[in-house]
Amino acid sequence: MRKTKSIMLVLATVMALMIVLSMTACGGGGGGGGDELKGTWTGRSEDMEVTWIFDGKGGCKMENEFGFKDEGTYELSGNAITIDLSKWDEALGYTYKIDGSHMSLVADESIRPSYELDKK
């Protein structure tokens, strides 16, 4: 009986460890691990040329053709991204779609710029 309990305890521990490891390996966006946005993306909004750099770990930088530069953070959830740059008043939400080396960033609010970008 005692040996059976020991075996059950070992099996339960191994199962718990496997679950934790599988959840860690499947960690999606959220800025924690690498993600499909990682890299340098250049393109246009309705008004200007822009470059976005996503580090794959939740950090980003943006520069436009007028010399405006900023950096901040981003968080992914499904096909949604929330970007929070240091000079913005608040974080902004976008829906993104990647097709090969092209990405569309569509602002959640119509008064905000949307972007059509290509990966460098």
PDB file of N, CA and C in Angstrom:
ATOM      1  N   MET A   1       0.825  -1.195   0.000  1.00  0.00           N
ATOM      2  CA  MET A   1       0.000   0.000   0.000  1.00  0.00           C
ATOM      3  C   MET A   1       0.868   1.258   0.000  1.00  0.00           C
ATOM      4  N   ARG A   2       1.911   1.226   0.830  1.00  0.00           N
ATOM      5  CA  ARG A   2       2.792   2.384   0.921  1.00  0.00           C
ATOM      6  C   ARG A   2       3.534   2.613  -0.397  1.00  0.00           C
ATOM      7  N   LYS A   3       3.952   1.531  -1.052  1.00  0.00           N
ATOM      8  CA  LYS A   3       4.653   1.626  -2.326  1.00  0.00           C
ATOM      9  C   LYS A   3       3.734   2.210  -3.394  1.00  0.00           C
ATOM     10  N   THR A   4       2.470   1.841  -3.375  1.00  0.00           N
ATOM     11  CA  THR A   4       1.490   2.363  -4.326  1.00  0.00           C
ATOM     12  C   THR A   4       1.322   3.870  -4.159  1.00  0.00           C
ATOM     13  N   LYS A   5       1.265   4.336  -2.912  1.00  0.00           N
ATOM     14  CA  LYS A   5       1.129   5.776  -2.660  1.00  0.00           C
ATOM     15  C   LYS A   5       2.353   6.535  -3.160  1.00  0.00           C
ATOM     16  N   SER A   6       3.529   5.955  -2.980  1.00  0.00           N
ATOM     17  CA  SER A   6       4.764   6.597  -3.447  1.00  0.00           C
ATOM     18  C   SER A   6       4.772   6.707  -4.966  1.00  0.00           C
ATOM     19  N   ILE A   7       4.364   5.644  -5.622  1.00  0.00           N
ATOM     20  CA  ILE A   7       4.304   5.654  -7.083  1.00  0.00           C
ATOM     21  C   ILE A   7       3.293   6.685  -7.569  1.00  0.00           C
ATOM     22  N   MET A   8       2.144   6.754  -6.923  1.00  0.00           N
ATOM     23  CA  MET A   8       1.109   7.729  -7.304  1.00  0.00           C
ATOM     24  C   MET A   8       1.617   9.161  -7.116  1.00  0.00           C
ATOM     25  N   LEU A   9       2.353   9.407  -6.044  1.00  0.00           N
ATOM     26  CA  LEU A   9       2.903  10.734  -5.777  1.00  0.00           C
ATOM     27  C   LEU A   9       3.919  11.124  -6.847  1.00  0.00           C
ATOM     28  N   VAL A  10       4.778  10.181  -7.214  1.00  0.00           N
ATOM     29  CA  VAL A  10       5.765  10.437  -8.263  1.00  0.00           C
ATOM     30  C   VAL A  10       5.060  10.719  -9.591  1.00  0.00           C
ATOM     31  N   LEU A  11       4.075   9.925  -9.936  1.00  0.00           N
ATOM     32  CA  LEU A  11       3.333  10.137 -11.182  1.00  0.00           C
ATOM     33  C   LEU A  11       2.618  11.485 -11.189  1.00  0.00           C
ATOM     34  N   ALA A  12       2.007  11.853 -10.081  1.00  0.00           N
ATOM     35  CA  ALA A  12       1.319  13.145  -9.993  1.00  0.00           C
ATOM     36  C   ALA A  12       2.303  14.298 -10.155  1.00  0.00           C
ATOM     37  N   THR A  13       3.476  14.164  -9.556  1.00  0.00           N
ATOM     38  CA  THR A  13       4.504  15.202  -9.681  1.00  0.00           C
ATOM     39  C   THR A  13       4.984  15.324 -11.122  1.00  0.00           C
ATOM     40  N   VAL A  14       5.237  14.197 -11.763  1.00  0.00           N
ATOM     41  CA  VAL A  14       5.677  14.199 -13.159  1.00  0.00           C
ATOM     42  C   VAL A  14       4.607  14.816 -14.059  1.00  0.00           C
ATOM     43  N   MET A  15       3.360  14.462 -13.846  1.00  0.00           N
ATOM     44  CA  MET A  15       2.260  15.022 -14.650  1.00  0.00           C
ATOM     45  C   MET A  15       2.172  16.537 -14.468  1.00  0.00           C
ATOM     46  N   ALA A  16       2.268  17.001 -13.230  1.00  0.00           N
ATOM     47  CA  ALA A  16       2.206  18.441 -12.961  1.00  0.00           C
ATOM     48  C   ALA A  16       3.359  19.161 -13.648  1.00  0.00           C
ATOM     49  N   LEU A  17       4.547  18.588 -13.598  1.00  0.00           N
ATOM     50  CA  LEU A  17       5.707  19.174 -14.250  1.00  0.00           C
ATOM     51  C   LEU A  17       5.519  19.223 -15.763  1.00  0.00           C
ATOM     52  N   MET A  18       4.975  18.171 -16.344  1.00  0.00           N
ATOM     53  CA  MET A  18       4.720  18.142 -17.790  1.00  0.00           C
ATOM     54  C   MET A  18       3.723  19.220 -18.189  1.00  0.00           C
ATOM     55  N   ILE A  19       2.697  19.415 -17.402  1.00  0.00           N
ATOM     56  CA  ILE A  19       1.698  20.447 -17.700  1.00  0.00           C
ATOM     57  C   ILE A  19       2.336  21.825 -17.656  1.00  0.00           C
ATOM     58  N   VAL A  20       3.119  22.095 -16.620  1.00  0.00           N
ATOM     59  CA  VAL A  20       3.780  23.401 -16.497  1.00  0.00           C
ATOM     60  C   VAL A  20       4.718  23.639 -17.673  1.00  0.00           C
ATOM     61  N   LEU A  21       5.516  22.645 -18.036  1.00  0.00           N
ATOM     62  CA  LEU A  21       6.444  22.798 -19.151  1.00  0.00           C
ATOM     63  C   LEU A  21       5.724  22.990 -20.477  1.00  0.00           C
ATOM     64  N   SER A  22       4.635  22.282 -20.699  1.00  0.00           N
ATOM     65  CA  SER A  22       3.904  22.442 -21.956  1.00  0.00           C
ATOM     66  C   SER A  22       3.254  23.814 -22.037  1.00  0.00           C
ATOM     67  N   MET A  23       2.779  24.343 -20.927  1.00  0.00           N
ATOM     68  CA  MET A  23       2.184  25.681 -20.934  1.00  0.00           C
ATOM     69  C   MET A  23       3.250  26.735 -21.199  1.00  0.00           C
ATOM     70  N   THR A  24       4.437  26.559 -20.659  1.00  0.00           N
ATOM     71  CA  THR A  24       5.529  27.495 -20.895  1.00  0.00           C
ATOM     72  C   THR A  24       5.946  27.458 -22.355  1.00  0.00           C
ATOM     73  N   ALA A  25       6.037  26.287 -22.936  1.00  0.00           N
ATOM     74  CA  ALA A  25       6.451  26.151 -24.329  1.00  0.00           C
ATOM     75  C   ALA A  25       5.441  26.751 -25.281  1.00  0.00           C
ATOM     76  N   CYS A  26       4.176  26.766 -24.916  1.00  0.00           N
ATOM     77  CA  CYS A  26       3.126  27.282 -25.784  1.00  0.00           C
ATOM     78  C   CYS A  26       2.823  28.746 -25.527  1.00  0.00           C
ATOM     79  N   GLY A  27       3.576  29.400 -24.678  1.00  0.00           N
ATOM     80  CA  GLY A  27       3.296  30.800 -24.357  1.00  0.00           C
ATOM     81  C   GLY A  27       3.221  31.622 -25.615  1.00  0.00           C
ATOM     82  N   GLY A  28       2.115  32.324 -25.806  1.00  0.00           N
ATOM     83  CA  GLY A  28       1.904  33.093 -27.014  1.00  0.00           C
ATOM     84  C   GLY A  28       2.479  34.470 -26.905  1.00  0.00           C
ATOM     85  N   GLY A  29       1.773  35.463 -27.439  1.00  0.00           N
ATOM     86  CA  GLY A  29       2.212  36.837 -27.463  1.00  0.00           C
ATOM     87  C   GLY A  29       2.429  37.379 -26.081  1.00  0.00           C
ATOM     88  N   GLY A  30       1.716  38.383 -25.729  1.00  0.00           N
ATOM     89  CA  GLY A  30       1.848  38.945 -24.413  1.00  0.00           C
ATOM     90  C   GLY A  30       3.193  39.580 -24.174  1.00  0.00           C
ATOM     91  N   GLY A  31       4.027  39.662 -25.221  1.00  0.00           N
ATOM     92  CA  GLY A  31       5.301  40.293 -25.070  1.00  0.00           C
ATOM     93  C   GLY A  31       6.333  39.458 -24.365  1.00  0.00           C
ATOM     94  N   GLY A  32       6.026  38.236 -23.934  1.00  0.00           N
ATOM     95  CA  GLY A  32       6.955  37.460 -23.147  1.00  0.00           C
ATOM     96  C   GLY A  32       8.028  36.800 -23.974  1.00  0.00           C
ATOM     97  N   GLY A  33       7.690  36.053 -24.977  1.00  0.00           N
ATOM     98  CA  GLY A  33       8.670  35.353 -25.778  1.00  0.00           C
ATOM     99  C   GLY A  33       8.757  35.955 -27.153  1.00  0.00           C
ATOM    100  N   GLY A  34       9.414  35.242 -28.055  1.00  0.00           N
ATOM    101  CA  GLY A  34       9.471  35.725 -29.415  1.00  0.00           C
ATOM    102  C   GLY A  34       8.094  35.657 -30.035  1.00  0.00           C
ATOM    103  N   ASP A  35       7.841  36.510 -31.021  1.00  0.00           N
ATOM    104  CA  ASP A  35       6.538  36.498 -31.665  1.00  0.00           C
ATOM    105  C   ASP A  35       6.679  36.859 -33.128  1.00  0.00           C
ATOM    106  N   GLU A  36       5.600  36.713 -33.878  1.00  0.00           N
ATOM    107  CA  GLU A  36       5.652  36.922 -35.319  1.00  0.00           C
ATOM    108  C   GLU A  36       5.853  38.376 -35.717  1.00  0.00           C
ATOM    109  N   LEU A  37       5.698  39.326 -34.808  1.00  0.00           N
ATOM    110  CA  LEU A  37       5.940  40.730 -35.116  1.00  0.00           C
ATOM    111  C   LEU A  37       7.414  41.083 -35.051  1.00  0.00           C
ATOM    112  N   LYS A  38       8.216  40.231 -34.449  1.00  0.00           N
ATOM    113  CA  LYS A  38       9.626  40.546 -34.235  1.00  0.00           C
ATOM    114  C   LYS A  38      10.297  40.954 -35.538  1.00  0.00           C
ATOM    115  N   GLY A  39      10.973  42.108 -35.497  1.00  0.00           N
ATOM    116  CA  GLY A  39      11.707  42.582 -36.654  1.00  0.00           C
ATOM    117  C   GLY A  39      11.413  44.040 -36.949  1.00  0.00           C
ATOM    118  N   THR A  40      11.927  44.493 -38.082  1.00  0.00           N
ATOM    119  CA  THR A  40      11.757  45.875 -38.529  1.00  0.00           C
ATOM    120  C   THR A  40      10.736  45.911 -39.649  1.00  0.00           C
ATOM    121  N   TRP A  41       9.739  46.765 -39.492  1.00  0.00           N
ATOM    122  CA  TRP A  41       8.653  46.903 -40.451  1.00  0.00           C
ATOM    123  C   TRP A  41       8.603  48.357 -40.935  1.00  0.00           C
ATOM    124  N   THR A  42       8.599  48.558 -42.246  1.00  0.00           N
ATOM    125  CA  THR A  42       8.518  49.907 -42.796  1.00  0.00           C
ATOM    126  C   THR A  42       7.306  50.016 -43.699  1.00  0.00           C
ATOM    127  N   GLY A  43       6.755  51.218 -43.788  1.00  0.00           N
ATOM    128  CA  GLY A  43       5.598  51.426 -44.655  1.00  0.00           C
ATOM    129  C   GLY A  43       4.984  52.783 -44.427  1.00  0.00           C
ATOM    130  N   ARG A  44       3.660  52.831 -44.560  1.00  0.00           N
ATOM    131  CA  ARG A  44       2.956  54.104 -44.503  1.00  0.00           C
ATOM    132  C   ARG A  44       1.717  54.027 -43.631  1.00  0.00           C
ATOM    133  N   SER A  45       1.418  55.181 -43.048  1.00  0.00           N
ATOM    134  CA  SER A  45       0.072  55.420 -42.531  1.00  0.00           C
ATOM    135  C   SER A  45      -0.594  56.248 -43.621  1.00  0.00           C
ATOM    136  N   GLU A  46      -1.752  56.822 -43.350  1.00  0.00           N
ATOM    137  CA  GLU A  46      -2.388  57.669 -44.357  1.00  0.00           C
ATOM    138  C   GLU A  46      -1.560  58.924 -44.625  1.00  0.00           C
ATOM    139  N   ASP A  47      -0.737  59.340 -43.648  1.00  0.00           N
ATOM    140  CA  ASP A  47      -0.040  60.622 -43.715  1.00  0.00           C
ATOM    141  C   ASP A  47       1.455  60.555 -43.965  1.00  0.00           C
ATOM    142  N   MET A  48       2.117  59.465 -43.601  1.00  0.00           N
ATOM    143  CA  MET A  48       3.580  59.502 -43.577  1.00  0.00           C
ATOM    144  C   MET A  48       4.214  58.128 -43.656  1.00  0.00           C
ATOM    145  N   GLU A  49       5.513  58.157 -43.984  1.00  0.00           N
ATOM    146  CA  GLU A  49       6.349  56.963 -43.913  1.00  0.00           C
ATOM    147  C   GLU A  49       6.669  56.699 -42.446  1.00  0.00           C
ATOM    148  N   VAL A  50       6.739  55.430 -42.093  1.00  0.00           N
ATOM    149  CA  VAL A  50       6.999  55.078 -40.694  1.00  0.00           C
ATOM    150  C   VAL A  50       7.771  53.761 -40.625  1.00  0.00           C
ATOM    151  N   THR A  51       8.582  53.627 -39.588  1.00  0.00           N
ATOM    152  CA  THR A  51       9.291  52.380 -39.302  1.00  0.00           C
ATOM    153  C   THR A  51       8.946  51.945 -37.888  1.00  0.00           C
ATOM    154  N   TRP A  52       8.519  50.705 -37.756  1.00  0.00           N
ATOM    155  CA  TRP A  52       8.253  50.098 -36.451  1.00  0.00           C
ATOM    156  C   TRP A  52       9.274  48.997 -36.244  1.00  0.00           C
ATOM    157  N   ILE A  53       9.838  48.913 -35.048  1.00  0.00           N
ATOM    158  CA  ILE A  53      10.740  47.822 -34.683  1.00  0.00           C
ATOM    159  C   ILE A  53      10.164  47.134 -33.445  1.00  0.00           C
ATOM    160  N   PHE A  54       9.861  45.849 -33.589  1.00  0.00           N
ATOM    161  CA  PHE A  54       9.355  45.035 -32.482  1.00  0.00           C
ATOM    162  C   PHE A  54      10.448  44.044 -32.099  1.00  0.00           C
ATOM    163  N   ASP A  55      10.800  43.989 -30.812  1.00  0.00           N
ATOM    164  CA  ASP A  55      11.921  43.139 -30.391  1.00  0.00           C
ATOM    165  C   ASP A  55      11.534  41.690 -30.100  1.00  0.00           C
ATOM    166  N   GLY A  56      10.255  41.360 -30.181  1.00  0.00           N
ATOM    167  CA  GLY A  56       9.818  39.992 -29.915  1.00  0.00           C
ATOM    168  C   GLY A  56       9.686  39.672 -28.442  1.00  0.00           C
ATOM    169  N   LYS A  57       9.955  40.653 -27.586  1.00  0.00           N
ATOM    170  CA  LYS A  57       9.892  40.448 -26.135  1.00  0.00           C
ATOM    171  C   LYS A  57       9.034  41.504 -25.456  1.00  0.00           C
ATOM    172  N   GLY A  58       8.236  42.237 -26.244  1.00  0.00           N
ATOM    173  CA  GLY A  58       7.353  43.244 -25.659  1.00  0.00           C
ATOM    174  C   GLY A  58       7.865  44.662 -25.738  1.00  0.00           C
ATOM    175  N   GLY A  59       9.007  44.883 -26.371  1.00  0.00           N
ATOM    176  CA  GLY A  59       9.532  46.237 -26.541  1.00  0.00           C
ATOM    177  C   GLY A  59       9.413  46.670 -27.994  1.00  0.00           C
ATOM    178  N   CYS A  60       9.184  47.968 -28.219  1.00  0.00           N
ATOM    179  CA  CYS A  60       9.071  48.451 -29.592  1.00  0.00           C
ATOM    180  C   CYS A  60       9.611  49.871 -29.711  1.00  0.00           C
ATOM    181  N   LYS A  61       9.934  50.234 -30.955  1.00  0.00           N
ATOM    182  CA  LYS A  61      10.376  51.583 -31.289  1.00  0.00           C
ATOM    183  C   LYS A  61       9.640  51.999 -32.552  1.00  0.00           C
ATOM    184  N   MET A  62       9.429  53.308 -32.681  1.00  0.00           N
ATOM    185  CA  MET A  62       8.768  53.843 -33.869  1.00  0.00           C
ATOM    186  C   MET A  62       9.486  55.116 -34.282  1.00  0.00           C
ATOM    187  N   GLU A  63       9.639  55.291 -35.600  1.00  0.00           N
ATOM    188  CA  GLU A  63      10.207  56.520 -36.144  1.00  0.00           C
ATOM    189  C   GLU A  63       9.461  56.853 -37.425  1.00  0.00           C
ATOM    190  N   ASN A  64       9.131  58.155 -37.602  1.00  0.00           N
ATOM    191  CA  ASN A  64       8.465  58.544 -38.843  1.00  0.00           C
ATOM    192  C   ASN A  64       9.369  59.440 -39.679  1.00  0.00           C
ATOM    193  N   GLU A  65       8.914  59.761 -40.886  1.00  0.00           N
ATOM    194  CA  GLU A  65       9.734  60.517 -41.825  1.00  0.00           C
ATOM    195  C   GLU A  65      10.019  61.942 -41.361  1.00  0.00           C
ATOM    196  N   PHE A  66       9.293  62.439 -40.383  1.00  0.00           N
ATOM    197  CA  PHE A  66       9.499  63.795 -39.875  1.00  0.00           C
ATOM    198  C   PHE A  66      10.489  63.828 -38.710  1.00  0.00           C
ATOM    199  N   GLY A  67      11.090  62.698 -38.390  1.00  0.00           N
ATOM    200  CA  GLY A  67      12.091  62.634 -37.338  1.00  0.00           C
ATOM    201  C   GLY A  67      11.549  62.336 -35.953  1.00  0.00           C
ATOM    202  N   PHE A  68      10.242  62.132 -35.832  1.00  0.00           N
ATOM    203  CA  PHE A  68       9.669  61.766 -34.532  1.00  0.00           C
ATOM    204  C   PHE A  68      10.104  60.349 -34.197  1.00  0.00           C
ATOM    205  N   LYS A  69      10.703  60.176 -33.021  1.00  0.00           N
ATOM    206  CA  LYS A  69      11.143  58.856 -32.557  1.00  0.00           C
ATOM    207  C   LYS A  69      10.559  58.619 -31.177  1.00  0.00           C
ATOM    208  N   ASP A  70      10.183  57.387 -30.921  1.00  0.00           N
ATOM    209  CA  ASP A  70       9.655  57.036 -29.607  1.00  0.00           C
ATOM    210  C   ASP A  70       9.864  55.543 -29.388  1.00  0.00           C
ATOM    211  N   GLU A  71       9.799  55.138 -28.146  1.00  0.00           N
ATOM    212  CA  GLU A  71       9.884  53.716 -27.816  1.00  0.00           C
ATOM    213  C   GLU A  71       8.922  53.406 -26.689  1.00  0.00           C
ATOM    214  N   GLY A  72       8.609  52.140 -26.579  1.00  0.00           N
ATOM    215  CA  GLY A  72       7.658  51.733 -25.552  1.00  0.00           C
ATOM    216  C   GLY A  72       7.512  50.232 -25.511  1.00  0.00           C
ATOM    217  N   THR A  73       6.299  49.809 -25.214  1.00  0.00           N
ATOM    218  CA  THR A  73       6.020  48.387 -25.061  1.00  0.00           C
ATOM    219  C   THR A  73       4.801  47.992 -25.889  1.00  0.00           C
ATOM    220  N   TYR A  74       4.666  46.694 -26.106  1.00  0.00           N
ATOM    221  CA  TYR A  74       3.475  46.173 -26.770  1.00  0.00           C
ATOM    222  C   TYR A  74       3.097  44.850 -26.132  1.00  0.00           C
ATOM    223  N   GLU A  75       1.817  44.517 -26.295  1.00  0.00           N
ATOM    224  CA  GLU A  75       1.305  43.256 -25.768  1.00  0.00           C
ATOM    225  C   GLU A  75       0.377  42.648 -26.804  1.00  0.00           C
ATOM    226  N   LEU A  76       0.555  41.360 -27.057  1.00  0.00           N
ATOM    227  CA  LEU A  76      -0.263  40.642 -28.031  1.00  0.00           C
ATOM    228  C   LEU A  76      -1.325  39.809 -27.339  1.00  0.00           C
ATOM    229  N   SER A  77      -2.485  39.720 -27.995  1.00  0.00           N
ATOM    230  CA  SER A  77      -3.554  38.836 -27.548  1.00  0.00           C
ATOM    231  C   SER A  77      -4.315  38.402 -28.793  1.00  0.00           C
ATOM    232  N   GLY A  78      -4.032  37.195 -29.261  1.00  0.00           N
ATOM    233  CA  GLY A  78      -4.643  36.756 -30.518  1.00  0.00           C
ATOM    234  C   GLY A  78      -4.108  37.616 -31.650  1.00  0.00           C
ATOM    235  N   ASN A  79      -5.015  38.219 -32.429  1.00  0.00           N
ATOM    236  CA  ASN A  79      -4.576  39.106 -33.505  1.00  0.00           C
ATOM    237  C   ASN A  79      -4.699  40.576 -33.102  1.00  0.00           C
ATOM    238  N   ALA A  80      -4.778  40.827 -31.801  1.00  0.00           N
ATOM    239  CA  ALA A  80      -4.844  42.195 -31.280  1.00  0.00           C
ATOM    240  C   ALA A  80      -3.495  42.561 -30.660  1.00  0.00           C
ATOM    241  N   ILE A  81      -3.125  43.824 -30.821  1.00  0.00           N
ATOM    242  CA  ILE A  81      -1.903  44.336 -30.215  1.00  0.00           C
ATOM    243  C   ILE A  81      -2.227  45.655 -29.525  1.00  0.00           C
ATOM    244  N   THR A  82      -1.708  45.825 -28.335  1.00  0.00           N
ATOM    245  CA  THR A  82      -1.820  47.086 -27.614  1.00  0.00           C
ATOM    246  C   THR A  82      -0.419  47.676 -27.551  1.00  0.00           C
ATOM    247  N   ILE A  83      -0.268  48.892 -28.066  1.00  0.00           N
ATOM    248  CA  ILE A  83       1.029  49.561 -28.109  1.00  0.00           C
ATOM    249  C   ILE A  83       0.983  50.757 -27.171  1.00  0.00           C
ATOM    250  N   ASP A  84       2.012  50.887 -26.347  1.00  0.00           N
ATOM    251  CA  ASP A  84       2.103  52.003 -25.401  1.00  0.00           C
ATOM    252  C   ASP A  84       3.468  52.664 -25.567  1.00  0.00           C
ATOM    253  N   LEU A  85       3.515  53.758 -26.332  1.00  0.00           N
ATOM    254  CA  LEU A  85       4.754  54.505 -26.515  1.00  0.00           C
ATOM    255  C   LEU A  85       4.877  55.563 -25.425  1.00  0.00           C
ATOM    256  N   SER A  86       6.103  55.907 -25.067  1.00  0.00           N
ATOM    257  CA  SER A  86       6.335  56.794 -23.919  1.00  0.00           C
ATOM    258  C   SER A  86       5.754  58.194 -24.111  1.00  0.00           C
ATOM    259  N   LYS A  87       5.682  58.683 -25.339  1.00  0.00           N
ATOM    260  CA  LYS A  87       5.181  60.039 -25.584  1.00  0.00           C
ATOM    261  C   LYS A  87       3.682  60.081 -25.881  1.00  0.00           C
ATOM    262  N   TRP A  88       3.032  58.935 -25.927  1.00  0.00           N
ATOM    263  CA  TRP A  88       1.586  58.894 -26.132  1.00  0.00           C
ATOM    264  C   TRP A  88       0.883  59.101 -24.796  1.00  0.00           C
ATOM    265  N   ASP A  89      -0.302  59.676 -24.861  1.00  0.00           N
ATOM    266  CA  ASP A  89      -1.101  59.875 -23.646  1.00  0.00           C
ATOM    267  C   ASP A  89      -1.621  58.560 -23.079  1.00  0.00           C
ATOM    268  N   GLU A  90      -1.890  57.608 -23.965  1.00  0.00           N
ATOM    269  CA  GLU A  90      -2.439  56.325 -23.535  1.00  0.00           C
ATOM    270  C   GLU A  90      -2.051  55.238 -24.523  1.00  0.00           C
ATOM    271  N   ALA A  91      -2.158  54.003 -24.088  1.00  0.00           N
ATOM    272  CA  ALA A  91      -1.901  52.869 -24.970  1.00  0.00           C
ATOM    273  C   ALA A  91      -2.995  52.802 -26.029  1.00  0.00           C
ATOM    274  N   LEU A  92      -2.609  52.387 -27.237  1.00  0.00           N
ATOM    275  CA  LEU A  92      -3.571  52.281 -28.340  1.00  0.00           C
ATOM    276  C   LEU A  92      -3.709  50.834 -28.780  1.00  0.00           C
ATOM    277  N   GLY A  93      -4.920  50.473 -29.156  1.00  0.00           N
ATOM    278  CA  GLY A  93      -5.207  49.124 -29.613  1.00  0.00           C
ATOM    279  C   GLY A  93      -5.259  49.048 -31.128  1.00  0.00           C
ATOM    280  N   TYR A  94      -4.747  47.960 -31.658  1.00  0.00           N
ATOM    281  CA  TYR A  94      -4.753  47.694 -33.093  1.00  0.00           C
ATOM    282  C   TYR A  94      -5.114  46.230 -33.313  1.00  0.00           C
ATOM    283  N   THR A  95      -5.609  45.951 -34.499  1.00  0.00           N
ATOM    284  CA  THR A  95      -5.749  44.586 -34.974  1.00  0.00           C
ATOM    285  C   THR A  95      -4.680  44.414 -36.033  1.00  0.00           C
ATOM    286  N   TYR A  96      -3.937  43.323 -35.974  1.00  0.00           N
ATOM    287  CA  TYR A  96      -2.900  43.125 -36.982  1.00  0.00           C
ATOM    288  C   TYR A  96      -3.157  41.854 -37.775  1.00  0.00           C
ATOM    289  N   LYS A  97      -2.688  41.908 -39.031  1.00  0.00           N
ATOM    290  CA  LYS A  97      -2.768  40.744 -39.910  1.00  0.00           C
ATOM    291  C   LYS A  97      -1.460  40.674 -40.673  1.00  0.00           C
ATOM    292  N   ILE A  98      -0.818  39.516 -40.608  1.00  0.00           N
ATOM    293  CA  ILE A  98       0.435  39.317 -41.323  1.00  0.00           C
ATOM    294  C   ILE A  98       0.193  38.330 -42.452  1.00  0.00           C
ATOM    295  N   ASP A  99       0.622  38.735 -43.647  1.00  0.00           N
ATOM    296  CA  ASP A  99       0.526  37.889 -44.833  1.00  0.00           C
ATOM    297  C   ASP A  99       1.917  37.851 -45.458  1.00  0.00           C
ATOM    298  N   GLY A 100       2.663  36.806 -45.156  1.00  0.00           N
ATOM    299  CA  GLY A 100       4.044  36.726 -45.624  1.00  0.00           C
ATOM    300  C   GLY A 100       4.892  37.787 -44.956  1.00  0.00           C
ATOM    301  N   SER A 101       5.430  38.709 -45.764  1.00  0.00           N
ATOM    302  CA  SER A 101       6.264  39.780 -45.211  1.00  0.00           C
ATOM    303  C   SER A 101       5.511  41.111 -45.152  1.00  0.00           C
ATOM    304  N   HIS A 102       4.184  41.060 -45.257  1.00  0.00           N
ATOM    305  CA  HIS A 102       3.357  42.276 -45.194  1.00  0.00           C
ATOM    306  C   HIS A 102       2.475  42.227 -43.946  1.00  0.00           C
ATOM    307  N   MET A 103       2.383  43.380 -43.271  1.00  0.00           N
ATOM    308  CA  MET A 103       1.533  43.460 -42.086  1.00  0.00           C
ATOM    309  C   MET A 103       0.626  44.675 -42.185  1.00  0.00           C
ATOM    310  N   SER A 104      -0.638  44.470 -41.870  1.00  0.00           N
ATOM    311  CA  SER A 104      -1.602  45.559 -41.719  1.00  0.00           C
ATOM    312  C   SER A 104      -1.842  45.758 -40.230  1.00  0.00           C
ATOM    313  N   LEU A 105      -1.684  46.997 -39.772  1.00  0.00           N
ATOM    314  CA  LEU A 105      -2.007  47.380 -38.394  1.00  0.00           C
ATOM    315  C   LEU A 105      -3.197  48.317 -38.483  1.00  0.00           C
ATOM    316  N   VAL A 106      -4.361  47.857 -38.089  1.00  0.00           N
ATOM    317  CA  VAL A 106      -5.589  48.648 -38.195  1.00  0.00           C
ATOM    318  C   VAL A 106      -5.975  49.137 -36.800  1.00  0.00           C
ATOM    319  N   ALA A 107      -6.047  50.452 -36.654  1.00  0.00           N
ATOM    320  CA  ALA A 107      -6.359  51.053 -35.360  1.00  0.00           C
ATOM    321  C   ALA A 107      -7.777  50.707 -34.932  1.00  0.00           C
ATOM    322  N   ASP A 108      -7.952  50.478 -33.628  1.00  0.00           N
ATOM    323  CA  ASP A 108      -9.281  50.205 -33.084  1.00  0.00           C
ATOM    324  C   ASP A 108     -10.177  51.436 -33.149  1.00  0.00           C
ATOM    325  N   GLU A 109      -9.580  52.624 -33.098  1.00  0.00           N
ATOM    326  CA  GLU A 109     -10.337  53.872 -33.184  1.00  0.00           C
ATOM    327  C   GLU A 109     -10.095  54.492 -34.555  1.00  0.00           C
ATOM    328  N   SER A 110     -11.156  54.900 -35.227  1.00  0.00           N
ATOM    329  CA  SER A 110     -11.031  55.415 -36.595  1.00  0.00           C
ATOM    330  C   SER A 110     -10.239  56.716 -36.676  1.00  0.00           C
ATOM    331  N   ILE A 111     -10.111  57.452 -35.578  1.00  0.00           N
ATOM    332  CA  ILE A 111      -9.355  58.706 -35.622  1.00  0.00           C
ATOM    333  C   ILE A 111      -7.847  58.475 -35.491  1.00  0.00           C
ATOM    334  N   ARG A 112      -7.433  57.259 -35.216  1.00  0.00           N
ATOM    335  CA  ARG A 112      -6.012  56.929 -35.077  1.00  0.00           C
ATOM    336  C   ARG A 112      -5.478  56.404 -36.408  1.00  0.00           C
ATOM    337  N   PRO A 113      -4.169  56.587 -36.661  1.00  0.00           N
ATOM    338  CA  PRO A 113      -3.618  56.094 -37.932  1.00  0.00           C
ATOM    339  C   PRO A 113      -3.528  54.569 -37.971  1.00  0.00           C
ATOM    340  N   SER A 114      -3.762  54.025 -39.147  1.00  0.00           N
ATOM    341  CA  SER A 114      -3.525  52.611 -39.422  1.00  0.00           C
ATOM    342  C   SER A 114      -2.295  52.535 -40.317  1.00  0.00           C
ATOM    343  N   TYR A 115      -1.677  51.370 -40.392  1.00  0.00           N
ATOM    344  CA  TYR A 115      -0.416  51.243 -41.112  1.00  0.00           C
ATOM    345  C   TYR A 115      -0.432  50.030 -42.031  1.00  0.00           C
ATOM    346  N   GLU A 116       0.215  50.172 -43.181  1.00  0.00           N
ATOM    347  CA  GLU A 116       0.513  49.070 -44.094  1.00  0.00           C
ATOM    348  C   GLU A 116       2.028  48.967 -44.135  1.00  0.00           C
ATOM    349  N   LEU A 117       2.563  47.847 -43.671  1.00  0.00           N
ATOM    350  CA  LEU A 117       4.000  47.720 -43.445  1.00  0.00           C
ATOM    351  C   LEU A 117       4.569  46.482 -44.123  1.00  0.00           C
ATOM    352  N   ASP A 118       5.832  46.566 -44.503  1.00  0.00           N
ATOM    353  CA  ASP A 118       6.558  45.430 -45.059  1.00  0.00           C
ATOM    354  C   ASP A 118       7.788  45.163 -44.209  1.00  0.00           C
ATOM    355  N   LYS A 119       8.076  43.883 -44.002  1.00  0.00           N
ATOM    356  CA  LYS A 119       9.213  43.499 -43.166  1.00  0.00           C
ATOM    357  C   LYS A 119      10.505  43.699 -43.937  1.00  0.00           C
ATOM    358  N   LYS A 120      11.467  44.303 -43.287  1.00  0.00           N
ATOM    359  CA  LYS A 120      12.788  44.512 -43.895  1.00  0.00           C
ATOM    360  C   LYS A 120      13.629  43.268 -43.760  1.00  0.00           C
TER     361      LYS A 120
END
